[in-house]
Amino acid sequence: MFMTDRSRCLQTVLNARYVACLLVCLLLPLSARAELLIRITEGAGSAIPIAVVPFAESGSLPAGDKVSRIIQADLTMSGEFRPLPPSKMLSLPSERSEVYFRDWRLLGQRYVLVGQLSRNGDRVQARYELFDVNQEKRILGETAAVPANNMRSLGHHISDRVYEAVTGAPGVFSTKLAFITVVGEGDQTRYRLQVSDVDGKRAKIRLESREPILSPAWSPDGSKLAYVSFETGKPVIFVHELATGERQKVADFRGLNSAPAWSEDGRSLLMTLSRDGNAEIYQMELSTRNLTRLTDHWAIDTEAAWDHADRGIYFTSDRSGGPQIYHMERPGAEPRRMTFGSRYNARPRPSPTGDYVYYVHQRDGGFHIARTNLENGEETVITRTGSDESPSVAPNGKLLIYATRQNGNDVLTVVSADGGAAYSLPASEGEVREPAWGPVTR
């Protein structure tokens, strides 16, 4: 609202300088496009050593993706694990009877994962076991099966189970990312709303337009995306059913329609509207399209998100003279200012665990991602890349994705919630921005 392309688009609308345009909207739910590329840039010093042994294979298995490699990559990008390269393993066990714990202790491993893959018709089955090396104890033993053409989902599922068994927190490797890519220049510019795995693989275009697409937001069940599209020459909020490609125009009022955010039950959207002359926050019940106005102030109020309890909202307002984060405990309550550390704090995104709120923070001439501890009010700047925006928190609260610039290009970066580990996701084609981390749906 207050910076970059979003600011310029919204300022255009608020000043009534609409630009006539021709739009090409292509619904392409099955079309794979250029994927994101994963680059590990920084690991955590306290990462847990784990050996993911290449799984034994029997039967005619698909060529290409190897389940154990997917698991190794997933655990590495979490920042909390340090997988042992297979070339350094002394043996390649596939079941408990072949695991010699002394060998793995000599290699400094705390955990070892072994498994077997087998083909049964059009499905692939994995039997896998996770062992605590020091205790010489099995802590996970399961069987999972998927269609033979869905090996990546099998790898992500096992990664989730291993992550939870060791850390106690749910894994997020089976979740999805939504993001916007921008390709071409001038009249050839195309904006593409895409959805991919969390590692950037299996990206698919869901919408393509000659006009900007902003602010994708996931429904709680992961079946829909809400977003802002300028395809009619003004910002309009759509809800997009991913399985069918069906779209519904839900907010097309005079002036500004922006910043959609779902309620926890999926029945309503928060949004910013200027239908009454000023940018205010509203709640829309999607079944009836009834609106409830939540803020009423001469300042700009925008970028709302439900708090952890799903009763109050965080939002950005310039009512104190510049953009700051506010919290309204319930509709009608007096908003409380949350940020004071700089003259610019915007786009709040609360952690699903209820302990922090993340936001864009200006300091030393740059824009970074910071967080405030909701218990003691302590503020911590967790990124230093300089042009950071659009934070989105993973559903387990352990990771954060945001948009930034690297070497002159717009890329996505994922960091651990404390800033201790990071990896980047540049697009293999064009620029990438506006990330939204999807929910856990299993």
Protein backbone atom coordinates (compact mmCIF):
# COMPACT_ATOMS: atom_id res chain seq x y z
CA MET A 1 0.00 0.00 0.00
CA PHE A 2 2.79 2.35 0.91
CA MET A 3 5.64 1.17 -1.33
CA THR A 4 6.80 -0.28 -4.68
CA ASP A 5 4.46 -1.40 -7.47
CA ARG A 6 1.48 -1.78 -5.12
CA SER A 7 1.75 1.87 -4.08
CA ARG A 8 1.95 3.11 -7.63
CA CYS A 9 -1.04 1.03 -8.73
CA LEU A 10 -3.20 2.07 -5.80
CA GLN A 11 -2.19 5.71 -6.10
CA THR A 12 -3.28 5.59 -9.72
CA VAL A 13 -6.69 4.32 -8.67
CA LEU A 14 -7.17 6.76 -5.80
CA ASN A 15 -6.36 9.67 -8.09
CA ALA A 16 -8.88 8.36 -10.63
CA ARG A 17 -6.25 8.11 -13.35
CA TYR A 18 -7.48 4.87 -14.81
CA VAL A 19 -5.64 3.53 -17.81
CA ALA A 20 -7.68 1.92 -20.54
CA CYS A 21 -6.30 -1.52 -21.24
CA LEU A 22 -6.83 -4.72 -23.14
CA LEU A 23 -6.52 -7.81 -20.97
CA VAL A 24 -5.69 -11.34 -21.88
CA CYS A 25 -6.85 -13.59 -19.00
CA LEU A 26 -5.87 -17.20 -19.60
CA LEU A 27 -7.00 -19.82 -17.10
CA LEU A 28 -4.33 -22.51 -17.34
CA PRO A 29 -4.77 -24.87 -14.41
CA LEU A 30 -2.84 -27.69 -16.05
CA SER A 31 -0.02 -25.81 -17.78
CA ALA A 32 3.39 -26.16 -16.17
CA ARG A 33 5.74 -23.22 -16.65
CA ALA A 34 9.19 -22.10 -15.61
CA GLU A 35 9.90 -23.26 -12.09
CA LEU A 36 11.62 -21.46 -9.29
CA LEU A 37 15.24 -22.40 -8.67
CA ILE A 38 16.31 -23.22 -5.13
CA ARG A 39 19.66 -21.89 -3.87
CA ILE A 40 20.70 -22.55 -0.28
CA THR A 41 22.50 -19.38 0.83
CA GLU A 42 22.97 -19.86 4.57
CA GLY A 43 22.60 -22.76 6.97
CA ALA A 44 22.00 -22.78 10.69
CA GLY A 45 25.04 -23.57 12.82
CA SER A 46 22.97 -25.79 15.10
CA ALA A 47 21.56 -27.96 12.29
CA ILE A 48 20.88 -31.58 13.30
CA PRO A 49 23.05 -34.20 11.53
CA ILE A 50 20.89 -36.83 9.85
CA ALA A 51 21.66 -39.61 7.38
CA VAL A 52 18.99 -40.10 4.72
CA VAL A 53 20.11 -43.39 3.19
CA PRO A 54 19.15 -43.89 -0.48
CA PHE A 55 16.06 -46.09 -0.45
CA ALA A 56 16.31 -49.61 -1.81
CA GLU A 57 14.18 -50.11 -4.91
CA SER A 58 12.34 -53.10 -6.36
CA GLY A 59 10.12 -53.36 -9.40
CA SER A 60 9.86 -50.93 -12.30
CA LEU A 61 10.05 -47.49 -10.70
CA PRO A 62 9.75 -44.15 -12.53
CA ALA A 63 13.00 -42.59 -13.67
CA GLY A 64 13.83 -39.08 -12.50
CA ASP A 65 12.93 -37.92 -9.01
CA LYS A 66 14.48 -40.02 -6.27
CA VAL A 67 12.56 -40.01 -3.01
CA SER A 68 15.65 -39.94 -0.78
CA ARG A 69 17.08 -36.94 -2.68
CA ILE A 70 13.81 -35.05 -2.25
CA ILE A 71 13.88 -35.78 1.49
CA GLN A 72 17.51 -34.65 1.77
CA ALA A 73 16.72 -31.40 -0.06
CA ASP A 74 13.60 -30.75 2.05
CA LEU A 75 15.39 -31.23 5.35
CA THR A 76 18.32 -29.09 4.20
CA MET A 77 16.13 -26.16 3.18
CA SER A 78 14.37 -26.20 6.57
CA GLY A 79 17.66 -24.97 8.06
CA GLU A 80 17.23 -27.37 11.00
CA PHE A 81 18.92 -30.46 9.51
CA ARG A 82 22.29 -31.23 7.94
CA PRO A 83 21.96 -34.42 5.84
CA LEU A 84 25.05 -36.55 5.36
CA PRO A 85 26.11 -36.94 1.69
CA PRO A 86 25.59 -40.58 0.59
CA SER A 87 29.20 -40.68 -0.64
CA LYS A 88 30.33 -40.45 3.02
CA MET A 89 28.12 -43.28 4.27
CA LEU A 90 29.87 -46.50 5.35
CA SER A 91 26.89 -48.67 4.36
CA LEU A 92 23.47 -48.35 2.70
CA PRO A 93 20.99 -50.17 4.94
CA SER A 94 17.32 -50.38 3.97
CA GLU A 95 15.86 -51.93 7.16
CA ARG A 96 16.51 -52.21 10.90
CA SER A 97 18.56 -55.41 10.77
CA GLU A 98 21.13 -53.69 8.52
CA VAL A 99 21.64 -50.61 10.70
CA TYR A 100 24.88 -50.63 12.72
CA PHE A 101 24.56 -47.73 15.11
CA ARG A 102 28.27 -47.62 15.95
CA ASP A 103 29.09 -46.74 12.34
CA TRP A 104 26.61 -43.86 12.34
CA ARG A 105 27.95 -42.57 15.67
CA LEU A 106 31.45 -42.57 14.20
CA LEU A 107 30.08 -40.37 11.40
CA GLY A 108 28.57 -37.97 13.95
CA GLN A 109 24.95 -38.66 13.00
CA ARG A 110 22.07 -38.22 15.44
CA TYR A 111 19.42 -39.81 13.23
CA VAL A 112 19.34 -42.24 10.33
CA LEU A 113 16.44 -42.78 7.91
CA VAL A 114 16.21 -45.98 5.87
CA GLY A 115 13.55 -47.28 3.53
CA GLN A 116 12.43 -49.41 0.61
CA LEU A 117 10.40 -48.56 -2.49
CA SER A 118 8.32 -51.08 -4.41
CA ARG A 119 5.94 -50.92 -7.38
CA ASN A 120 2.45 -52.41 -7.18
CA GLY A 121 0.51 -51.75 -10.39
CA ASP A 122 0.17 -48.03 -10.89
CA ARG A 123 1.23 -47.18 -7.33
CA VAL A 124 4.56 -46.90 -5.54
CA GLN A 125 4.83 -47.90 -1.89
CA ALA A 126 7.47 -46.73 0.57
CA ARG A 127 8.32 -48.48 3.84
CA TYR A 128 10.57 -46.30 5.96
CA GLU A 129 12.05 -46.16 9.46
CA LEU A 130 13.75 -43.37 11.41
CA PHE A 131 16.21 -44.24 14.18
CA ASP A 132 17.73 -42.26 17.03
CA VAL A 133 21.40 -43.24 16.75
CA ASN A 134 22.43 -42.47 20.34
CA GLN A 135 19.49 -44.31 21.88
CA GLU A 136 19.60 -47.06 19.22
CA LYS A 137 15.83 -46.75 19.06
CA ARG A 138 13.27 -46.56 16.27
CA ILE A 139 11.18 -43.41 16.58
CA LEU A 140 9.20 -43.66 13.34
CA GLY A 141 8.13 -46.58 11.18
CA GLU A 142 5.45 -46.22 8.52
CA THR A 143 4.23 -47.19 5.07
CA ALA A 144 2.97 -44.69 2.48
CA ALA A 145 1.80 -45.13 -1.11
CA VAL A 146 1.17 -42.75 -4.01
CA PRO A 147 0.44 -43.00 -7.76
CA ALA A 148 3.62 -43.78 -9.65
CA ASN A 149 3.59 -40.34 -11.30
CA ASN A 150 3.57 -38.53 -7.94
CA MET A 151 6.93 -39.40 -6.42
CA ARG A 152 7.61 -35.83 -5.33
CA SER A 153 4.55 -35.84 -3.09
CA LEU A 154 5.78 -39.08 -1.50
CA GLY A 155 9.15 -37.49 -0.76
CA HIS A 156 7.54 -34.37 0.72
CA HIS A 157 5.22 -36.52 2.87
CA ILE A 158 8.09 -38.51 4.35
CA SER A 159 10.00 -35.27 4.98
CA ASP A 160 7.01 -33.94 6.93
CA ARG A 161 6.84 -37.07 9.06
CA VAL A 162 10.59 -37.05 9.80
CA TYR A 163 10.55 -33.34 10.63
CA GLU A 164 7.67 -33.76 13.08
CA ALA A 165 9.16 -36.87 14.69
CA VAL A 166 12.40 -35.01 15.48
CA THR A 167 11.23 -31.45 16.20
CA GLY A 168 7.68 -31.99 17.44
CA ALA A 169 6.39 -29.35 14.99
CA PRO A 170 4.39 -30.17 11.84
CA GLY A 171 6.37 -30.26 8.61
CA VAL A 172 5.40 -27.96 5.74
CA PHE A 173 7.10 -29.67 2.80
CA SER A 174 3.76 -30.85 1.35
CA THR A 175 2.30 -27.34 1.33
CA LYS A 176 2.19 -25.01 -1.68
CA LEU A 177 3.42 -21.55 -2.60
CA ALA A 178 1.50 -18.97 -4.62
CA PHE A 179 3.41 -16.12 -6.24
CA ILE A 180 3.40 -13.67 -9.14
CA THR A 181 5.95 -13.77 -11.93
CA VAL A 182 6.50 -10.90 -14.37
CA VAL A 183 7.96 -11.62 -17.80
CA GLY A 184 8.62 -9.38 -20.78
CA GLU A 185 8.88 -5.62 -21.03
CA GLY A 186 6.71 -2.75 -22.19
CA ASP A 187 3.68 -3.86 -24.18
CA GLN A 188 4.88 -7.45 -23.92
CA THR A 189 4.76 -7.58 -20.10
CA ARG A 190 2.79 -10.51 -18.70
CA TYR A 191 1.79 -11.08 -15.08
CA ARG A 192 1.34 -14.71 -14.08
CA LEU A 193 -0.21 -16.08 -10.93
CA GLN A 194 1.50 -19.40 -10.24
CA VAL A 195 1.32 -22.20 -7.69
CA SER A 196 4.22 -24.55 -6.91
CA ASP A 197 5.60 -26.92 -4.31
CA VAL A 198 7.49 -25.19 -1.47
CA ASP A 199 10.77 -25.99 -3.22
CA GLY A 200 9.59 -24.20 -6.39
CA LYS A 201 9.01 -27.43 -8.35
CA ARG A 202 5.88 -28.34 -10.34
CA ALA A 203 4.92 -24.69 -10.89
CA LYS A 204 1.65 -24.13 -12.76
CA ILE A 205 0.12 -20.94 -14.10
CA ARG A 206 -3.37 -20.25 -12.76
CA LEU A 207 -3.90 -16.84 -14.35
CA GLU A 208 -2.06 -14.77 -16.96
CA SER A 209 -2.74 -11.09 -17.61
CA ARG A 210 -1.33 -8.01 -19.30
CA GLU A 211 -2.24 -6.02 -16.16
CA PRO A 212 -0.93 -6.36 -12.59
CA ILE A 213 -2.01 -9.13 -10.24
CA LEU A 214 -1.44 -8.49 -6.53
CA SER A 215 -1.86 -9.93 -3.04
CA PRO A 216 -2.63 -13.65 -3.50
CA ALA A 217 -4.14 -15.15 -0.33
CA TRP A 218 -4.92 -18.82 0.38
CA SER A 219 -8.23 -20.08 1.71
CA PRO A 220 -7.77 -22.17 4.90
CA ASP A 221 -8.46 -25.44 3.06
CA GLY A 222 -6.04 -24.63 0.23
CA SER A 223 -8.70 -24.97 -2.45
CA LYS A 224 -8.99 -21.27 -3.40
CA LEU A 225 -6.94 -18.14 -3.88
CA ALA A 226 -8.17 -14.60 -3.42
CA TYR A 227 -6.21 -11.87 -5.22
CA VAL A 228 -6.40 -8.41 -6.73
CA SER A 229 -6.45 -8.07 -10.53
CA PHE A 230 -6.32 -4.88 -12.62
CA GLU A 231 -7.80 -6.54 -15.69
CA THR A 232 -10.70 -4.07 -15.85
CA GLY A 233 -8.45 -1.03 -15.45
CA LYS A 234 -9.02 -0.81 -11.69
CA PRO A 235 -8.25 -3.09 -8.74
CA VAL A 236 -10.88 -5.80 -8.28
CA ILE A 237 -10.83 -8.72 -5.80
CA PHE A 238 -11.43 -12.20 -7.23
CA VAL A 239 -11.79 -15.61 -5.60
CA HIS A 240 -10.33 -18.38 -7.76
CA GLU A 241 -11.24 -22.08 -7.38
CA LEU A 242 -7.98 -23.90 -8.16
CA ALA A 243 -9.46 -27.31 -9.07
CA THR A 244 -11.82 -25.93 -11.73
CA GLY A 245 -10.32 -22.56 -12.67
CA GLU A 246 -13.67 -20.90 -11.92
CA ARG A 247 -13.38 -17.28 -10.75
CA GLN A 248 -15.80 -15.04 -8.90
CA LYS A 249 -15.59 -11.26 -8.72
CA VAL A 250 -16.28 -10.50 -5.05
CA ALA A 251 -15.32 -6.82 -4.66
CA ASP A 252 -15.70 -4.33 -7.51
CA PHE A 253 -16.71 -1.18 -5.69
CA ARG A 254 -15.93 2.40 -6.67
CA GLY A 255 -12.31 3.22 -5.95
CA LEU A 256 -9.98 0.84 -4.16
CA ASN A 257 -10.55 -2.90 -3.67
CA SER A 258 -7.45 -4.51 -2.23
CA ALA A 259 -5.58 -6.64 0.35
CA PRO A 260 -7.85 -9.71 0.73
CA ALA A 261 -7.28 -11.98 3.76
CA TRP A 262 -9.30 -15.07 4.68
CA SER A 263 -10.91 -15.82 8.01
CA GLU A 264 -9.95 -19.09 9.67
CA ASP A 265 -13.31 -20.70 8.78
CA GLY A 266 -13.04 -19.62 5.12
CA ARG A 267 -16.43 -17.90 5.20
CA SER A 268 -15.30 -14.30 4.98
CA LEU A 269 -12.59 -12.01 3.65
CA LEU A 270 -10.96 -8.98 5.15
CA MET A 271 -10.35 -6.32 2.50
CA THR A 272 -9.49 -2.66 2.06
CA LEU A 273 -12.13 -0.57 0.29
CA SER A 274 -12.41 3.15 -0.46
CA ARG A 275 -16.07 2.91 -1.51
CA ASP A 276 -16.99 5.64 1.00
CA GLY A 277 -14.11 7.94 0.05
CA ASN A 278 -11.33 6.77 2.39
CA ALA A 279 -9.35 3.53 2.57
CA GLU A 280 -10.90 1.49 5.39
CA ILE A 281 -10.94 -2.16 6.40
CA TYR A 282 -14.09 -4.23 5.87
CA GLN A 283 -15.15 -7.81 6.43
CA MET A 284 -17.21 -9.49 3.70
CA GLU A 285 -19.30 -12.60 4.29
CA LEU A 286 -18.77 -14.50 1.05
CA SER A 287 -22.13 -16.33 1.04
CA THR A 288 -24.17 -13.12 1.23
CA ARG A 289 -21.60 -10.45 0.17
CA ASN A 290 -22.63 -8.49 3.27
CA LEU A 291 -20.03 -5.95 4.40
CA THR A 292 -19.07 -4.93 7.93
CA ARG A 293 -16.88 -1.86 8.30
CA LEU A 294 -14.14 -2.52 10.89
CA THR A 295 -12.22 0.79 10.87
CA ASP A 296 -13.44 4.37 10.64
CA HIS A 297 -10.66 6.95 10.58
CA TRP A 298 -9.44 9.79 8.38
CA ALA A 299 -6.12 7.95 7.87
CA ILE A 300 -5.40 5.11 5.43
CA ASP A 301 -6.14 1.73 7.04
CA THR A 302 -5.11 -1.30 5.00
CA GLU A 303 -3.34 -4.70 4.80
CA ALA A 304 -5.40 -6.40 7.52
CA ALA A 305 -4.77 -9.93 8.78
CA TRP A 306 -6.59 -11.93 11.45
CA ASP A 307 -4.71 -12.50 14.67
CA HIS A 308 -3.95 -15.93 16.09
CA ALA A 309 -7.27 -16.13 17.91
CA ASP A 310 -9.19 -15.12 14.72
CA ARG A 311 -11.05 -12.50 16.75
CA GLY A 312 -8.97 -9.37 16.27
CA ILE A 313 -7.00 -7.96 13.36
CA TYR A 314 -3.57 -6.51 12.70
CA PHE A 315 -3.42 -3.79 10.06
CA THR A 316 -1.32 -0.95 8.65
CA SER A 317 -2.36 2.65 9.30
CA ASP A 318 -0.74 6.05 8.91
CA ARG A 319 -2.92 7.60 11.64
CA SER A 320 0.23 8.41 13.66
CA GLY A 321 1.85 10.29 10.76
CA GLY A 322 3.47 7.36 8.97
CA PRO A 323 2.66 3.70 8.33
CA GLN A 324 2.67 1.63 11.52
CA ILE A 325 1.21 -1.69 12.70
CA TYR A 326 -1.94 -1.63 14.83
CA HIS A 327 -3.95 -4.33 16.56
CA MET A 328 -7.71 -4.24 17.11
CA GLU A 329 -8.67 -6.90 19.67
CA ARG A 330 -12.25 -7.17 18.40
CA PRO A 331 -14.50 -5.24 15.99
CA GLY A 332 -15.21 -1.82 17.42
CA ALA A 333 -12.34 -1.84 19.92
CA GLU A 334 -9.81 0.99 19.99
CA PRO A 335 -6.77 -0.02 17.90
CA ARG A 336 -3.46 -0.29 19.75
CA ARG A 337 -0.21 0.72 18.06
CA MET A 338 2.28 -2.18 18.00
CA THR A 339 5.41 -0.76 16.32
CA PHE A 340 7.63 2.16 17.29
CA GLY A 341 11.12 1.20 16.13
CA SER A 342 11.13 3.21 12.89
CA ARG A 343 9.01 5.62 10.86
CA TYR A 344 7.86 2.84 8.52
CA ASN A 345 6.34 -0.52 9.51
CA ALA A 346 3.76 -2.14 7.23
CA ARG A 347 2.06 -5.31 6.00
CA PRO A 348 1.65 -7.27 9.25
CA ARG A 349 1.61 -11.07 9.13
CA PRO A 350 1.08 -12.79 12.50
CA SER A 351 2.66 -16.15 13.24
CA PRO A 352 0.12 -19.00 13.38
CA THR A 353 1.60 -19.95 16.76
CA GLY A 354 0.59 -16.59 18.21
CA ASP A 355 4.02 -15.53 19.46
CA TYR A 356 5.14 -12.99 16.85
CA VAL A 357 3.90 -10.58 14.21
CA TYR A 358 6.12 -10.04 11.15
CA TYR A 359 6.15 -6.94 8.93
CA VAL A 360 8.14 -4.76 6.55
CA HIS A 361 10.43 -2.44 8.50
CA GLN A 362 12.50 0.50 7.27
CA ARG A 363 15.94 1.04 8.79
CA ASP A 364 19.21 2.59 7.61
CA GLY A 365 17.73 3.49 4.25
CA GLY A 366 16.56 -0.05 3.45
CA PHE A 367 13.44 -2.15 3.83
CA HIS A 368 13.77 -5.33 5.87
CA ILE A 369 11.53 -7.93 7.50
CA ALA A 370 11.22 -7.55 11.27
CA ARG A 371 9.17 -9.20 13.97
CA THR A 372 7.74 -8.11 17.30
CA ASN A 373 7.48 -10.51 20.21
CA LEU A 374 3.83 -10.30 21.26
CA GLU A 375 4.61 -11.18 24.87
CA ASN A 376 7.28 -8.58 25.64
CA GLY A 377 7.12 -6.19 22.66
CA GLU A 378 10.75 -6.76 21.67
CA GLU A 379 11.48 -5.98 18.01
CA THR A 380 14.03 -7.96 15.98
CA VAL A 381 15.14 -7.29 12.40
CA ILE A 382 15.61 -10.72 10.79
CA THR A 383 16.64 -9.85 7.21
CA ARG A 384 19.34 -7.57 5.81
CA THR A 385 18.83 -7.84 2.07
CA GLY A 386 17.71 -4.20 1.72
CA SER A 387 14.60 -4.24 -0.49
CA ASP A 388 12.42 -6.74 1.32
CA GLU A 389 8.62 -6.88 1.15
CA SER A 390 5.55 -9.15 1.17
CA PRO A 391 6.30 -11.46 4.13
CA SER A 392 4.30 -14.68 4.47
CA VAL A 393 4.68 -17.12 7.39
CA ALA A 394 4.77 -20.91 7.02
CA PRO A 395 1.82 -22.67 8.71
CA ASN A 396 4.10 -24.16 11.40
CA GLY A 397 5.57 -20.73 12.21
CA LYS A 398 9.13 -21.96 11.62
CA LEU A 399 9.86 -20.36 8.23
CA LEU A 400 9.11 -17.08 6.51
CA ILE A 401 9.08 -16.27 2.79
CA TYR A 402 9.38 -12.75 1.39
CA ALA A 403 10.20 -10.92 -1.84
CA THR A 404 13.48 -9.07 -2.31
CA ARG A 405 16.05 -8.09 -4.92
CA GLN A 406 19.28 -9.95 -5.62
CA ASN A 407 21.72 -8.93 -8.34
CA GLY A 408 19.11 -6.61 -9.85
CA ASN A 409 16.37 -9.28 -10.01
CA ASP A 410 13.18 -9.77 -8.00
CA VAL A 411 13.42 -13.12 -6.18
CA LEU A 412 11.82 -14.89 -3.24
CA THR A 413 13.81 -15.73 -0.12
CA VAL A 414 12.93 -18.13 2.68
CA VAL A 415 14.45 -17.67 6.13
CA SER A 416 14.00 -19.44 9.42
CA ALA A 417 11.79 -17.44 11.77
CA ASP A 418 14.85 -16.29 13.73
CA GLY A 419 16.78 -15.39 10.58
CA GLY A 420 19.37 -18.13 11.15
CA ALA A 421 19.10 -20.01 7.84
CA ALA A 422 18.07 -18.96 4.35
CA TYR A 423 17.54 -20.03 0.76
CA SER A 424 16.43 -18.09 -2.31
CA LEU A 425 13.94 -18.95 -5.05
CA PRO A 426 14.65 -16.92 -8.19
CA ALA A 427 12.47 -17.57 -11.21
CA SER A 428 14.12 -19.34 -14.12
CA GLU A 429 12.35 -16.77 -16.32
CA GLY A 430 11.43 -13.18 -15.42
CA GLU A 431 10.90 -11.67 -11.97
CA VAL A 432 9.05 -13.20 -9.02
CA ARG A 433 7.20 -11.42 -6.21
CA GLU A 434 4.12 -11.42 -3.91
CA PRO A 435 4.61 -14.84 -2.24
CA ALA A 436 1.88 -16.52 -0.18
CA TRP A 437 2.58 -19.70 1.81
CA GLY A 438 -0.28 -22.19 1.57
CA PRO A 439 -1.91 -24.06 4.48
CA VAL A 440 -1.35 -27.62 5.64
CA THR A 441 -4.15 -29.60 4.00
CA ARG A 442 -3.34 -33.24 4.77
